[in-house]
Structure formats: structure tokens, C-alpha cells
N, C-alpha and C. Protein backbone atom coordinates (compact mmCIF):
# COMPACT_ATOMS: atom_id res chain seq x y z
N MET A 1 -87.51 36.93 10.50
CA MET A 1 -88.15 35.81 11.18
C MET A 1 -89.02 35.11 10.05
N ASN A 2 -88.95 33.75 10.16
CA ASN A 2 -89.61 33.01 9.11
C ASN A 2 -91.09 32.69 9.61
N LEU A 3 -91.89 32.17 8.72
CA LEU A 3 -93.33 31.86 9.01
C LEU A 3 -93.53 31.02 10.21
N ASN A 4 -92.68 29.89 10.34
CA ASN A 4 -92.82 28.96 11.46
C ASN A 4 -92.45 29.68 12.78
N GLU A 5 -91.43 30.55 12.77
CA GLU A 5 -91.05 31.25 14.05
C GLU A 5 -92.20 32.22 14.38
N ASN A 6 -92.73 32.92 13.41
CA ASN A 6 -93.77 33.93 13.61
C ASN A 6 -95.04 33.21 14.24
N LEU A 7 -95.47 32.07 13.62
CA LEU A 7 -96.55 31.31 14.15
C LEU A 7 -96.30 30.91 15.60
N GLY A 8 -95.09 30.42 15.87
CA GLY A 8 -94.71 30.00 17.18
C GLY A 8 -94.84 31.10 18.26
N LYS A 9 -94.36 32.30 17.87
CA LYS A 9 -94.44 33.43 18.80
C LYS A 9 -95.89 33.87 19.06
N VAL A 10 -96.63 33.81 18.03
CA VAL A 10 -98.09 34.26 18.21
C VAL A 10 -98.83 33.24 19.04
N ILE A 11 -98.68 31.94 18.84
CA ILE A 11 -99.43 30.98 19.65
C ILE A 11 -98.88 30.96 21.13
N LYS A 12 -97.62 31.21 21.23
CA LYS A 12 -97.06 31.26 22.62
C LYS A 12 -97.62 32.45 23.36
N ARG A 13 -97.72 33.58 22.73
CA ARG A 13 -98.22 34.80 23.41
C ARG A 13 -99.63 34.52 23.74
N ILE A 14 -100.40 34.01 22.81
CA ILE A 14 -101.87 33.74 23.15
C ILE A 14 -102.01 32.75 24.26
N ARG A 15 -101.19 31.67 24.24
CA ARG A 15 -101.28 30.65 25.29
C ARG A 15 -100.98 31.26 26.67
N LEU A 16 -99.93 32.03 26.75
CA LEU A 16 -99.53 32.70 27.98
C LEU A 16 -100.63 33.60 28.49
N SER A 17 -101.28 34.33 27.58
CA SER A 17 -102.31 35.28 27.97
C SER A 17 -103.55 34.56 28.58
N LYS A 18 -103.68 33.30 28.20
CA LYS A 18 -104.79 32.52 28.72
C LYS A 18 -104.38 31.65 29.86
N ASN A 19 -103.18 31.79 30.33
CA ASN A 19 -102.57 31.05 31.45
C ASN A 19 -102.70 29.50 31.23
N LEU A 20 -102.31 29.08 30.05
CA LEU A 20 -102.30 27.73 29.69
C LEU A 20 -100.90 27.21 29.62
N THR A 21 -100.65 25.98 29.93
CA THR A 21 -99.40 25.38 29.72
C THR A 21 -99.28 24.76 28.31
N GLN A 22 -98.05 24.50 27.84
CA GLN A 22 -97.94 23.72 26.60
C GLN A 22 -98.66 22.48 26.57
N LYS A 23 -98.59 21.80 27.72
CA LYS A 23 -99.33 20.48 27.93
C LYS A 23 -100.78 20.68 27.75
N ASP A 24 -101.36 21.81 28.31
CA ASP A 24 -102.83 22.04 28.19
C ASP A 24 -103.14 22.15 26.78
N VAL A 25 -102.45 22.98 26.00
CA VAL A 25 -102.73 23.22 24.62
C VAL A 25 -102.60 21.97 23.80
N ALA A 26 -101.49 21.26 23.98
CA ALA A 26 -101.34 20.03 23.24
C ALA A 26 -102.39 19.05 23.42
N LYS A 27 -102.84 18.95 24.70
CA LYS A 27 -103.93 17.96 24.98
C LYS A 27 -105.19 18.40 24.30
N LEU A 28 -105.58 19.64 24.43
CA LEU A 28 -106.77 20.24 23.80
C LEU A 28 -106.77 20.05 22.28
N ALA A 29 -105.57 20.19 21.69
CA ALA A 29 -105.40 20.17 20.24
C ALA A 29 -105.29 18.66 19.70
N GLY A 30 -105.07 17.76 20.68
CA GLY A 30 -104.89 16.37 20.35
C GLY A 30 -103.62 16.05 19.62
N ILE A 31 -102.54 16.78 20.04
CA ILE A 31 -101.20 16.51 19.51
C ILE A 31 -100.18 16.29 20.69
N SER A 32 -99.08 15.76 20.38
CA SER A 32 -98.12 15.49 21.43
C SER A 32 -97.48 16.74 21.95
N LEU A 33 -97.07 16.74 23.22
CA LEU A 33 -96.44 17.85 23.85
C LEU A 33 -95.15 18.19 23.13
N LYS A 34 -94.37 17.15 22.69
CA LYS A 34 -93.15 17.38 22.02
C LYS A 34 -93.42 18.14 20.71
N TYR A 35 -94.36 17.72 19.91
CA TYR A 35 -94.74 18.33 18.70
C TYR A 35 -95.22 19.75 18.91
N TYR A 36 -96.04 19.98 19.89
CA TYR A 36 -96.47 21.30 20.23
C TYR A 36 -95.31 22.26 20.52
N GLY A 37 -94.45 21.76 21.38
CA GLY A 37 -93.27 22.53 21.72
C GLY A 37 -92.42 22.93 20.56
N ALA A 38 -92.27 22.01 19.64
CA ALA A 38 -91.49 22.29 18.40
C ALA A 38 -92.16 23.35 17.53
N ILE A 39 -93.46 23.31 17.49
CA ILE A 39 -94.27 24.35 16.75
C ILE A 39 -94.00 25.65 17.35
N GLU A 40 -94.21 25.72 18.69
CA GLU A 40 -94.09 26.99 19.42
C GLU A 40 -92.64 27.61 19.27
N ARG A 41 -91.66 26.77 19.15
CA ARG A 41 -90.29 27.19 19.02
C ARG A 41 -89.97 27.53 17.54
N GLY A 42 -90.88 27.27 16.59
CA GLY A 42 -90.67 27.53 15.21
C GLY A 42 -89.80 26.46 14.52
N LYS A 43 -89.68 25.28 15.13
CA LYS A 43 -88.85 24.26 14.56
C LYS A 43 -89.62 23.19 13.83
N SER A 44 -90.96 23.40 13.70
CA SER A 44 -91.74 22.41 12.98
C SER A 44 -92.72 23.21 12.10
N SER A 45 -93.11 22.59 11.01
CA SER A 45 -94.00 23.23 10.03
C SER A 45 -95.27 22.49 10.08
N PRO A 46 -96.25 22.88 10.91
CA PRO A 46 -97.49 22.18 11.06
C PRO A 46 -98.44 22.28 9.89
N SER A 47 -99.23 21.29 9.64
CA SER A 47 -100.26 21.35 8.63
C SER A 47 -101.34 22.32 9.01
N LEU A 48 -102.11 22.73 8.04
CA LEU A 48 -103.28 23.61 8.34
C LEU A 48 -104.23 22.98 9.33
N LYS A 49 -104.38 21.66 9.20
CA LYS A 49 -105.27 20.96 10.13
C LYS A 49 -104.77 21.03 11.55
N VAL A 50 -103.49 21.01 11.73
CA VAL A 50 -102.93 21.06 13.13
C VAL A 50 -103.00 22.54 13.59
N VAL A 51 -102.76 23.43 12.76
CA VAL A 51 -102.92 24.93 13.13
C VAL A 51 -104.32 25.22 13.52
N PHE A 52 -105.29 24.61 12.79
CA PHE A 52 -106.72 24.73 13.08
C PHE A 52 -107.03 24.17 14.49
N LYS A 53 -106.49 22.92 14.80
CA LYS A 53 -106.68 22.31 16.12
C LYS A 53 -106.09 23.23 17.23
N ILE A 54 -104.92 23.80 17.00
CA ILE A 54 -104.34 24.68 17.94
C ILE A 54 -105.18 25.97 18.17
N SER A 55 -105.69 26.45 17.07
CA SER A 55 -106.59 27.69 17.12
C SER A 55 -107.80 27.38 17.88
N LEU A 56 -108.38 26.24 17.75
CA LEU A 56 -109.54 25.86 18.59
C LEU A 56 -109.18 25.75 20.06
N ALA A 57 -108.05 25.16 20.33
CA ALA A 57 -107.58 24.94 21.70
C ALA A 57 -107.40 26.35 22.35
N LEU A 58 -106.95 27.32 21.60
CA LEU A 58 -106.65 28.62 22.13
C LEU A 58 -107.96 29.53 22.05
N GLU A 59 -109.04 29.03 21.53
CA GLU A 59 -110.29 29.73 21.34
C GLU A 59 -110.10 31.01 20.45
N LYS A 60 -109.38 30.78 19.35
CA LYS A 60 -109.19 31.80 18.37
C LYS A 60 -109.52 31.24 17.01
N SER A 61 -110.09 32.06 16.13
CA SER A 61 -110.35 31.57 14.81
C SER A 61 -109.06 31.56 14.02
N LEU A 62 -109.03 30.83 12.87
CA LEU A 62 -107.84 30.85 12.06
C LEU A 62 -107.62 32.23 11.52
N SER A 63 -108.58 33.03 11.20
CA SER A 63 -108.40 34.35 10.71
C SER A 63 -107.83 35.27 11.75
N GLU A 64 -108.23 35.06 13.03
CA GLU A 64 -107.60 35.89 14.14
C GLU A 64 -106.15 35.49 14.27
N LEU A 65 -105.86 34.26 14.18
CA LEU A 65 -104.43 33.81 14.36
C LEU A 65 -103.56 34.31 13.29
N PHE A 66 -104.05 34.22 12.00
CA PHE A 66 -103.28 34.68 10.91
C PHE A 66 -103.17 36.15 10.87
N SER A 67 -104.18 36.88 11.32
CA SER A 67 -104.14 38.33 11.41
C SER A 67 -103.09 38.78 12.36
N GLU A 68 -102.99 38.11 13.52
CA GLU A 68 -101.98 38.43 14.51
C GLU A 68 -100.57 38.12 13.90
N MET A 69 -100.40 37.10 13.11
CA MET A 69 -99.20 36.87 12.49
C MET A 69 -98.78 37.88 11.51
N LYS A 70 -99.78 38.38 10.74
CA LYS A 70 -99.50 39.36 9.74
C LYS A 70 -99.09 40.76 10.41
N ASN A 71 -99.57 40.94 11.62
CA ASN A 71 -99.22 42.22 12.26
C ASN A 71 -97.87 42.17 13.02
N LYS A 72 -97.19 41.13 12.92
CA LYS A 72 -95.90 40.94 13.52
C LYS A 72 -94.75 41.46 12.64
């Protein structure tokens, strides 16, 4: 599994655990739904700024997000 796929799986798991839709997270992060969906599927390589916005939308710190990626 590559880095993008790993990130996508982690943010999807967190999103589902918070009962949020992709649309909810995209709106909270200030990105398009299409772009967010591509990130979650591991088809896009988001910038650190975008990953930070997603982490805020999911109420997780970057370190928590990266830690969860590391543990996969």
C-alpha cells in the first residue's frame, strides 16, 4: 500500500467513526467533494496544507493522523 492509499484509508476510517459524509468533511476542510473523494481513494496526493485542513475537519491533530498512518 502506498502513502496516498494509506492516508485515504485512515481518513475514511476516522470520518466513518464520526458519522460524517465525504461532503461534510470536504465542506469543513474547504475543498471540493471530488477532490476529497480522490484523496480518500488514494488517487490524489494532497499538499500538507490540505491534509492539515482535513485533520482539522476530523478534529485530529496532524501527529495523530500520521501516527495512525504509521500503525497501518
